[in-house]
Amino acid sequence: MGKREDGYYTSYMPYPFISDNGAIRVIGQDDCEIFTVENDTAFVRTRQYLMDSNSSVPFPLSQYVQDVYMTGTDKYVFIGREPNGGRQYAMTADLTTSKIDIIRQINIYPELQTWMPNAGEMVYSDKYNRLAFAYKLHPVVEIFDTDGNIIKSVKIGEDTFDPKTLEEADFDTMNSLHTVDLTYTSDYIYALHWGCGYSDADKYAPTIYKIDWNGKVIDRYFNMPYPLYRIAALDDSRLIGWDGKELCIIQL
């Protein structure tokens, strides 16, 4: 997708997301340009940017964005970062006013301010107008509204993070990983929880937690295939899983 006839690509850092009408769109992470996808292959420029030099921002932001969700016409929520390994935030973007606003800072503890020890994934529910962020290095899923108010902080494991490892370049490989992927439906959040490191991903079966948008743990699924690196919800009884080589259907 996105490859042109001359062999080059329309965007070198494409980040896909689903628009408010269910269609796939793409944001270029090198410049935040938004593309529509036509004929299932071609990236077509909209000449709109999630943020650019004309955007009103609360502080300097990196062009790298993740977990983008369209909440309405020209309105988005996403994870944004300060440059040079700074802090990360759940944010809103209004393209009609070219304004970026903060929803809330994403950090597990006040003493861990930079984004790296707070890495994770965010999902958004248009039904509840709520967001959920799951930390990769901490056993916590936070559910909050678009005003930044915490609805529930859900603990799904034991604390394992060693702050001393931050002194090492590969600190993430020196810690157990908790939620390595997050997916959702209208009514539920599904967190893929490892409880082990990258090197042991093919030795232990992960757990999938089913959580409602009020923060109640509805179910836990233990007998999962492994390795399992990514999940995507088809509905509330079926997930698509990725084992690093192949896709599979997981019946809950």
C-alpha atoms as a PDB file:
ATOM      1  CA  MET A   1       0.000   0.000   0.000  1.00  0.00           C
ATOM      2  CA  GLY A   2       1.237   3.483  -0.800  1.00  0.00           C
ATOM      3  CA  LYS A   3       3.815   2.363  -3.373  1.00  0.00           C
ATOM      4  CA  ARG A   4       3.907   4.518  -6.489  1.00  0.00           C
ATOM      5  CA  GLU A   5       4.601   3.435 -10.058  1.00  0.00           C
ATOM      6  CA  ASP A   6       8.166   4.755  -9.884  1.00  0.00           C
ATOM      7  CA  GLY A   7       8.877   2.348  -7.011  1.00  0.00           C
ATOM      8  CA  TYR A   8       8.935   4.993  -4.305  1.00  0.00           C
ATOM      9  CA  TYR A   9       6.390   5.373  -1.532  1.00  0.00           C
ATOM     10  CA  THR A  10       3.974   8.191  -0.842  1.00  0.00           C
ATOM     11  CA  SER A  11       4.897   8.128   2.844  1.00  0.00           C
ATOM     12  CA  TYR A  12       7.988   6.598   4.396  1.00  0.00           C
ATOM     13  CA  MET A  13       6.482   6.363   7.887  1.00  0.00           C
ATOM     14  CA  PRO A  14       2.793   5.544   7.358  1.00  0.00           C
ATOM     15  CA  TYR A  15       0.631   5.116  10.466  1.00  0.00           C
ATOM     16  CA  PRO A  16      -2.853   3.705   9.718  1.00  0.00           C
ATOM     17  CA  PHE A  17      -5.988   4.618  11.641  1.00  0.00           C
ATOM     18  CA  ILE A  18      -9.750   4.335  11.229  1.00  0.00           C
ATOM     19  CA  SER A  19     -11.725   7.473  10.401  1.00  0.00           C
ATOM     20  CA  ASP A  20     -15.119   8.298  11.903  1.00  0.00           C
ATOM     21  CA  ASN A  21     -16.877   6.693   8.902  1.00  0.00           C
ATOM     22  CA  GLY A  22     -14.959   3.409   9.276  1.00  0.00           C
ATOM     23  CA  ALA A  23     -12.558   3.960   6.371  1.00  0.00           C
ATOM     24  CA  ILE A  24      -8.788   3.510   6.636  1.00  0.00           C
ATOM     25  CA  ARG A  25      -6.700   6.652   6.682  1.00  0.00           C
ATOM     26  CA  VAL A  26      -2.968   7.095   7.090  1.00  0.00           C
ATOM     27  CA  ILE A  27      -0.826   9.706   8.833  1.00  0.00           C
ATOM     28  CA  GLY A  28       2.751  10.215   7.740  1.00  0.00           C
ATOM     29  CA  GLN A  29       4.827  10.203  10.897  1.00  0.00           C
ATOM     30  CA  ASP A  30       7.557  12.267   9.293  1.00  0.00           C
ATOM     31  CA  ASP A  31       5.265  15.280   8.789  1.00  0.00           C
ATOM     32  CA  CYS A  32       1.767  14.351  10.147  1.00  0.00           C
ATOM     33  CA  GLU A  33       0.110  14.623   6.711  1.00  0.00           C
ATOM     34  CA  ILE A  34      -3.218  12.784   6.458  1.00  0.00           C
ATOM     35  CA  PHE A  35      -3.925  10.501   3.490  1.00  0.00           C
ATOM     36  CA  THR A  36      -7.059   8.700   2.405  1.00  0.00           C
ATOM     37  CA  VAL A  37      -6.705   5.179   0.999  1.00  0.00           C
ATOM     38  CA  GLU A  38      -8.328   4.507  -2.366  1.00  0.00           C
ATOM     39  CA  ASN A  39      -8.653   1.231  -4.284  1.00  0.00           C
ATOM     40  CA  ASP A  40      -7.127  -0.504  -1.243  1.00  0.00           C
ATOM     41  CA  THR A  41      -3.618   0.500  -2.341  1.00  0.00           C
ATOM     42  CA  ALA A  42      -3.177   4.194  -3.140  1.00  0.00           C
ATOM     43  CA  PHE A  43      -2.465   6.903  -0.561  1.00  0.00           C
ATOM     44  CA  VAL A  44      -4.177  10.104  -1.694  1.00  0.00           C
ATOM     45  CA  ARG A  45      -3.185  13.429  -0.160  1.00  0.00           C
ATOM     46  CA  THR A  46      -5.877  15.366   1.689  1.00  0.00           C
ATOM     47  CA  ARG A  47      -3.504  18.337   2.169  1.00  0.00           C
ATOM     48  CA  GLN A  48      -4.507  18.273   5.810  1.00  0.00           C
ATOM     49  CA  TYR A  49      -2.062  17.782   8.666  1.00  0.00           C
ATOM     50  CA  LEU A  50      -2.765  16.558  12.178  1.00  0.00           C
ATOM     51  CA  MET A  51      -0.362  19.320  13.200  1.00  0.00           C
ATOM     52  CA  ASP A  52       2.048  21.549  11.326  1.00  0.00           C
ATOM     53  CA  SER A  53       3.966  24.798  11.742  1.00  0.00           C
ATOM     54  CA  ASN A  54       0.677  26.731  11.793  1.00  0.00           C
ATOM     55  CA  SER A  55      -0.829  24.685  14.622  1.00  0.00           C
ATOM     56  CA  SER A  56      -1.418  26.248  18.015  1.00  0.00           C
ATOM     57  CA  VAL A  57       0.331  23.905  20.468  1.00  0.00           C
ATOM     58  CA  PRO A  58       0.652  24.127  24.269  1.00  0.00           C
ATOM     59  CA  PHE A  59       4.406  23.374  24.039  1.00  0.00           C
ATOM     60  CA  PRO A  60       6.828  22.056  21.390  1.00  0.00           C
ATOM     61  CA  LEU A  61       5.807  18.652  20.059  1.00  0.00           C
ATOM     62  CA  SER A  62       7.546  15.955  18.060  1.00  0.00           C
ATOM     63  CA  GLN A  63       6.060  15.049  14.670  1.00  0.00           C
ATOM     64  CA  TYR A  64       5.916  11.451  15.895  1.00  0.00           C
ATOM     65  CA  VAL A  65       2.344  10.607  16.894  1.00  0.00           C
ATOM     66  CA  GLN A  66       0.640   7.330  17.733  1.00  0.00           C
ATOM     67  CA  ASP A  67      -2.782   5.861  18.507  1.00  0.00           C
ATOM     68  CA  VAL A  68      -4.713   8.329  16.353  1.00  0.00           C
ATOM     69  CA  TYR A  69      -8.530   8.220  16.445  1.00  0.00           C
ATOM     70  CA  MET A  70     -10.956  10.407  14.549  1.00  0.00           C
ATOM     71  CA  THR A  71     -13.707  11.613  16.896  1.00  0.00           C
ATOM     72  CA  GLY A  72     -15.662  13.743  14.416  1.00  0.00           C
ATOM     73  CA  THR A  73     -15.228  15.874  11.326  1.00  0.00           C
ATOM     74  CA  ASP A  74     -11.684  17.295  11.480  1.00  0.00           C
ATOM     75  CA  LYS A  75     -11.386  16.290  15.154  1.00  0.00           C
ATOM     76  CA  TYR A  76      -8.917  13.755  16.546  1.00  0.00           C
ATOM     77  CA  VAL A  77      -7.447  12.298  19.712  1.00  0.00           C
ATOM     78  CA  PHE A  78      -3.902  10.938  19.741  1.00  0.00           C
ATOM     79  CA  ILE A  79      -0.734  10.375  21.751  1.00  0.00           C
ATOM     80  CA  GLY A  80       1.782  13.188  21.306  1.00  0.00           C
ATOM     81  CA  ARG A  81       5.310  13.611  22.630  1.00  0.00           C
ATOM     82  CA  GLU A  82       7.657  16.384  23.481  1.00  0.00           C
ATOM     83  CA  PRO A  83      10.879  16.304  21.421  1.00  0.00           C
ATOM     84  CA  ASN A  84      14.122  14.666  22.551  1.00  0.00           C
ATOM     85  CA  GLY A  85      12.635  11.919  24.691  1.00  0.00           C
ATOM     86  CA  GLY A  86      10.336  14.227  26.635  1.00  0.00           C
ATOM     87  CA  ARG A  87       6.948  13.662  28.188  1.00  0.00           C
ATOM     88  CA  GLN A  88       3.908  12.171  26.455  1.00  0.00           C
ATOM     89  CA  TYR A  89       0.280  13.216  26.511  1.00  0.00           C
ATOM     90  CA  ALA A  90      -3.154  12.176  25.363  1.00  0.00           C
ATOM     91  CA  MET A  91      -4.146  15.114  23.159  1.00  0.00           C
ATOM     92  CA  THR A  92      -6.865  16.491  20.904  1.00  0.00           C
ATOM     93  CA  ALA A  93      -6.488  18.095  17.497  1.00  0.00           C
ATOM     94  CA  ASP A  94      -9.067  20.341  15.835  1.00  0.00           C
ATOM     95  CA  LEU A  95      -8.098  20.883  12.209  1.00  0.00           C
ATOM     96  CA  THR A  96     -10.709  23.624  11.700  1.00  0.00           C
ATOM     97  CA  THR A  97      -8.974  25.818  14.272  1.00  0.00           C
ATOM     98  CA  SER A  98      -5.469  24.295  13.916  1.00  0.00           C
ATOM     99  CA  LYS A  99      -5.403  23.835  17.678  1.00  0.00           C
ATOM    100  CA  ILE A 100      -3.779  21.082  19.751  1.00  0.00           C
ATOM    101  CA  ASP A 101      -4.926  20.668  23.370  1.00  0.00           C
ATOM    102  CA  ILE A 102      -3.916  18.413  26.261  1.00  0.00           C
ATOM    103  CA  ILE A 103      -6.285  15.792  27.652  1.00  0.00           C
ATOM    104  CA  ARG A 104      -3.852  14.478  30.277  1.00  0.00           C
ATOM    105  CA  GLN A 105      -0.221  13.553  30.706  1.00  0.00           C
ATOM    106  CA  ILE A 106       0.509   9.840  30.456  1.00  0.00           C
ATOM    107  CA  ASN A 107       2.867   8.745  33.205  1.00  0.00           C
ATOM    108  CA  ILE A 108       2.651   6.018  35.793  1.00  0.00           C
ATOM    109  CA  TYR A 109       4.545   7.871  38.546  1.00  0.00           C
ATOM    110  CA  PRO A 110       5.462  11.564  38.922  1.00  0.00           C
ATOM    111  CA  GLU A 111       9.138  10.625  39.136  1.00  0.00           C
ATOM    112  CA  LEU A 112       8.972   8.906  35.718  1.00  0.00           C
ATOM    113  CA  GLN A 113       8.289  11.860  33.436  1.00  0.00           C
ATOM    114  CA  THR A 114       9.788  10.891  30.068  1.00  0.00           C
ATOM    115  CA  TRP A 115       7.809   8.833  27.580  1.00  0.00           C
ATOM    116  CA  MET A 116      10.125   5.805  27.380  1.00  0.00           C
ATOM    117  CA  PRO A 117       9.350   4.204  30.778  1.00  0.00           C
ATOM    118  CA  ASN A 118       5.691   5.135  30.166  1.00  0.00           C
ATOM    119  CA  ALA A 119       5.405   3.513  26.729  1.00  0.00           C
ATOM    120  CA  GLY A 120       2.141   1.781  25.923  1.00  0.00           C
ATOM    121  CA  GLU A 121      -0.972   1.931  23.772  1.00  0.00           C
ATOM    122  CA  MET A 122      -4.189   3.926  23.780  1.00  0.00           C
ATOM    123  CA  VAL A 123      -7.654   3.136  22.433  1.00  0.00           C
ATOM    124  CA  TYR A 124     -10.749   5.326  22.143  1.00  0.00           C
ATOM    125  CA  SER A 125     -14.470   4.543  22.483  1.00  0.00           C
ATOM    126  CA  ASP A 126     -16.824   6.817  20.565  1.00  0.00           C
ATOM    127  CA  LYS A 127     -19.748   5.151  22.356  1.00  0.00           C
ATOM    128  CA  TYR A 128     -18.520   6.235  25.799  1.00  0.00           C
ATOM    129  CA  ASN A 129     -16.256   9.095  24.661  1.00  0.00           C
ATOM    130  CA  ARG A 130     -13.523   7.592  26.827  1.00  0.00           C
ATOM    131  CA  LEU A 131      -9.920   6.561  26.317  1.00  0.00           C
ATOM    132  CA  ALA A 132      -7.878   3.738  27.773  1.00  0.00           C
ATOM    133  CA  PHE A 133      -4.098   3.642  28.028  1.00  0.00           C
ATOM    134  CA  ALA A 134      -2.233   0.432  28.895  1.00  0.00           C
ATOM    135  CA  TYR A 135       1.384   0.624  30.044  1.00  0.00           C
ATOM    136  CA  LYS A 136       3.862  -1.817  28.577  1.00  0.00           C
ATOM    137  CA  LEU A 137       6.253  -1.783  31.551  1.00  0.00           C
ATOM    138  CA  HIS A 138       3.656  -1.469  34.319  1.00  0.00           C
ATOM    139  CA  PRO A 139       0.610  -3.686  35.067  1.00  0.00           C
ATOM    140  CA  VAL A 140      -1.911  -0.862  34.769  1.00  0.00           C
ATOM    141  CA  VAL A 141      -4.683   0.125  32.350  1.00  0.00           C
ATOM    142  CA  GLU A 142      -5.990   3.662  32.884  1.00  0.00           C
ATOM    143  CA  ILE A 143      -9.456   4.644  31.651  1.00  0.00           C
ATOM    144  CA  PHE A 144     -10.204   8.356  31.438  1.00  0.00           C
ATOM    145  CA  ASP A 145     -12.628  10.751  29.767  1.00  0.00           C
ATOM    146  CA  THR A 146     -11.804  13.427  27.198  1.00  0.00           C
ATOM    147  CA  ASP A 147     -11.589  16.021  29.986  1.00  0.00           C
ATOM    148  CA  GLY A 148      -8.704  14.028  31.446  1.00  0.00           C
ATOM    149  CA  ASN A 149     -10.593  12.696  34.474  1.00  0.00           C
ATOM    150  CA  ILE A 150      -9.601   9.174  35.523  1.00  0.00           C
ATOM    151  CA  ILE A 151     -12.573   6.800  35.479  1.00  0.00           C
ATOM    152  CA  LYS A 152     -10.642   3.804  36.795  1.00  0.00           C
ATOM    153  CA  SER A 153      -7.056   2.627  37.094  1.00  0.00           C
ATOM    154  CA  VAL A 154      -7.100  -1.150  36.601  1.00  0.00           C
ATOM    155  CA  LYS A 155      -4.223  -3.255  37.899  1.00  0.00           C
ATOM    156  CA  ILE A 156      -3.703  -6.492  35.971  1.00  0.00           C
ATOM    157  CA  GLY A 157      -0.485  -7.860  37.480  1.00  0.00           C
ATOM    158  CA  GLU A 158       2.326  -7.294  39.927  1.00  0.00           C
ATOM    159  CA  ASP A 159       4.772  -4.385  39.713  1.00  0.00           C
ATOM    160  CA  THR A 160       8.036  -5.538  38.156  1.00  0.00           C
ATOM    161  CA  PHE A 161       9.700  -2.420  36.750  1.00  0.00           C
ATOM    162  CA  ASP A 162      13.210  -1.667  38.019  1.00  0.00           C
ATOM    163  CA  PRO A 163      13.962   2.082  37.715  1.00  0.00           C
ATOM    164  CA  LYS A 164      17.687   1.340  37.917  1.00  0.00           C
ATOM    165  CA  THR A 165      17.525  -0.216  34.431  1.00  0.00           C
ATOM    166  CA  LEU A 166      16.803   3.237  32.965  1.00  0.00           C
ATOM    167  CA  GLU A 167      20.532   3.775  33.062  1.00  0.00           C
ATOM    168  CA  GLU A 168      20.874   1.140  30.300  1.00  0.00           C
ATOM    169  CA  ALA A 169      20.087   1.742  26.619  1.00  0.00           C
ATOM    170  CA  ASP A 170      18.137  -1.512  26.347  1.00  0.00           C
ATOM    171  CA  PHE A 171      16.243  -1.094  29.614  1.00  0.00           C
ATOM    172  CA  ASP A 172      12.989  -2.370  28.086  1.00  0.00           C
ATOM    173  CA  THR A 173      14.550  -5.787  27.402  1.00  0.00           C
ATOM    174  CA  MET A 174      15.696  -5.962  31.019  1.00  0.00           C
ATOM    175  CA  ASN A 175      12.158  -5.744  32.403  1.00  0.00           C
ATOM    176  CA  SER A 176       9.048  -7.888  32.228  1.00  0.00           C
ATOM    177  CA  LEU A 177       6.460  -6.570  29.798  1.00  0.00           C
ATOM    178  CA  HIS A 178       2.840  -6.236  30.764  1.00  0.00           C
ATOM    179  CA  THR A 179       0.302  -5.032  28.156  1.00  0.00           C
ATOM    180  CA  VAL A 180       2.059  -5.507  24.826  1.00  0.00           C
ATOM    181  CA  ASP A 181      -1.043  -4.770  22.764  1.00  0.00           C
ATOM    182  CA  LEU A 182      -4.487  -3.283  23.278  1.00  0.00           C
ATOM    183  CA  THR A 183      -7.657  -3.559  21.219  1.00  0.00           C
ATOM    184  CA  TYR A 184     -11.292  -2.714  21.810  1.00  0.00           C
ATOM    185  CA  THR A 185     -14.932  -2.969  20.754  1.00  0.00           C
ATOM    186  CA  SER A 186     -17.845  -0.658  21.506  1.00  0.00           C
ATOM    187  CA  ASP A 187     -18.272  -2.200  24.946  1.00  0.00           C
ATOM    188  CA  TYR A 188     -14.953  -3.723  25.973  1.00  0.00           C
ATOM    189  CA  ILE A 189     -11.179  -3.306  26.098  1.00  0.00           C
ATOM    190  CA  TYR A 190      -8.896  -6.304  25.489  1.00  0.00           C
ATOM    191  CA  ALA A 191      -5.371  -6.189  26.931  1.00  0.00           C
ATOM    192  CA  LEU A 192      -2.735  -8.702  25.804  1.00  0.00           C
ATOM    193  CA  HIS A 193      -0.670  -9.273  28.952  1.00  0.00           C
ATOM    194  CA  TRP A 194       2.680 -11.092  28.895  1.00  0.00           C
ATOM    195  CA  GLY A 195       4.284 -10.895  32.320  1.00  0.00           C
ATOM    196  CA  CYS A 196       7.621 -11.855  30.773  1.00  0.00           C
ATOM    197  CA  GLY A 197      10.359 -10.349  28.617  1.00  0.00           C
ATOM    198  CA  TYR A 198      10.811 -10.397  24.837  1.00  0.00           C
ATOM    199  CA  SER A 199      13.198 -13.330  25.025  1.00  0.00           C
ATOM    200  CA  ASP A 200      10.566 -15.500  26.751  1.00  0.00           C
ATOM    201  CA  ALA A 201       7.597 -14.629  24.532  1.00  0.00           C
ATOM    202  CA  ASP A 202       7.696 -18.071  22.902  1.00  0.00           C
ATOM    203  CA  LYS A 203       7.853 -19.925  26.240  1.00  0.00           C
ATOM    204  CA  TYR A 204       4.802 -18.676  28.127  1.00  0.00           C
ATOM    205  CA  ALA A 205       1.150 -18.359  27.189  1.00  0.00           C
ATOM    206  CA  PRO A 206      -0.101 -14.783  27.621  1.00  0.00           C
ATOM    207  CA  THR A 207      -3.329 -13.711  29.287  1.00  0.00           C
ATOM    208  CA  ILE A 208      -5.979 -11.575  27.608  1.00  0.00           C
ATOM    209  CA  TYR A 209      -7.962  -9.340  29.961  1.00  0.00           C
ATOM    210  CA  LYS A 210     -11.484  -8.265  29.004  1.00  0.00           C
ATOM    211  CA  ILE A 211     -12.348  -4.962  30.700  1.00  0.00           C
ATOM    212  CA  ASP A 212     -15.457  -2.824  30.320  1.00  0.00           C
ATOM    213  CA  TRP A 213     -15.238   0.940  29.791  1.00  0.00           C
ATOM    214  CA  ASN A 214     -16.027   1.532  33.472  1.00  0.00           C
ATOM    215  CA  GLY A 215     -12.888  -0.379  34.431  1.00  0.00           C
ATOM    216  CA  LYS A 216     -14.442  -3.666  35.573  1.00  0.00           C
ATOM    217  CA  VAL A 217     -12.481  -6.797  34.656  1.00  0.00           C
ATOM    218  CA  ILE A 218     -15.107  -8.971  32.976  1.00  0.00           C
ATOM    219  CA  ASP A 219     -12.996 -12.016  32.122  1.00  0.00           C
ATOM    220  CA  ARG A 220      -9.478 -13.423  31.787  1.00  0.00           C
ATOM    221  CA  TYR A 221      -8.449 -15.794  29.018  1.00  0.00           C
ATOM    222  CA  PHE A 222      -5.427 -17.930  29.908  1.00  0.00           C
ATOM    223  CA  ASN A 223      -5.164 -20.649  27.256  1.00  0.00           C
ATOM    224  CA  MET A 224      -3.886 -18.408  24.494  1.00  0.00           C
ATOM    225  CA  PRO A 225      -1.610 -19.473  21.631  1.00  0.00           C
ATOM    226  CA  TYR A 226       1.997 -18.328  21.903  1.00  0.00           C
ATOM    227  CA  PRO A 227       3.996 -16.528  20.865  1.00  0.00           C
ATOM    228  CA  LEU A 228       1.351 -13.825  20.498  1.00  0.00           C
ATOM    229  CA  TYR A 229       2.460 -10.269  19.741  1.00  0.00           C
ATOM    230  CA  ARG A 230      -0.594  -8.409  18.481  1.00  0.00           C
ATOM    231  CA  ILE A 231      -4.377  -8.664  18.781  1.00  0.00           C
ATOM    232  CA  ALA A 232      -7.317  -6.951  17.059  1.00  0.00           C
ATOM    233  CA  ALA A 233     -10.962  -7.404  18.004  1.00  0.00           C
ATOM    234  CA  LEU A 234     -13.393  -8.586  15.347  1.00  0.00           C
ATOM    235  CA  ASP A 235     -16.231  -8.612  17.892  1.00  0.00           C
ATOM    236  CA  ASP A 236     -16.748  -9.593  21.520  1.00  0.00           C
ATOM    237  CA  SER A 237     -16.142 -13.292  20.876  1.00  0.00           C
ATOM    238  CA  ARG A 238     -13.348 -13.272  18.251  1.00  0.00           C
ATOM    239  CA  LEU A 239      -9.925 -11.671  18.037  1.00  0.00           C
ATOM    240  CA  ILE A 240      -7.316 -11.710  15.304  1.00  0.00           C
ATOM    241  CA  GLY A 241      -3.891 -12.652  16.655  1.00  0.00           C
ATOM    242  CA  TRP A 242      -0.392 -12.216  15.169  1.00  0.00           C
ATOM    243  CA  ASP A 243       2.382 -14.630  16.159  1.00  0.00           C
ATOM    244  CA  GLY A 244       5.147 -12.840  14.272  1.00  0.00           C
ATOM    245  CA  LYS A 245       4.632 -14.907  11.118  1.00  0.00           C
ATOM    246  CA  GLU A 246       0.941 -15.633  10.661  1.00  0.00           C
ATOM    247  CA  LEU A 247      -2.486 -14.293  11.540  1.00  0.00           C
ATOM    248  CA  CYS A 248      -4.928 -16.496  13.422  1.00  0.00           C
ATOM    249  CA  ILE A 249      -8.467 -16.316  14.775  1.00  0.00           C
ATOM    250  CA  ILE A 250      -8.778 -16.510  18.569  1.00  0.00           C
ATOM    251  CA  GLN A 251     -12.182 -17.683  19.764  1.00  0.00           C
ATOM    252  CA  LEU A 252     -12.882 -16.344  23.254  1.00  0.00           C
END
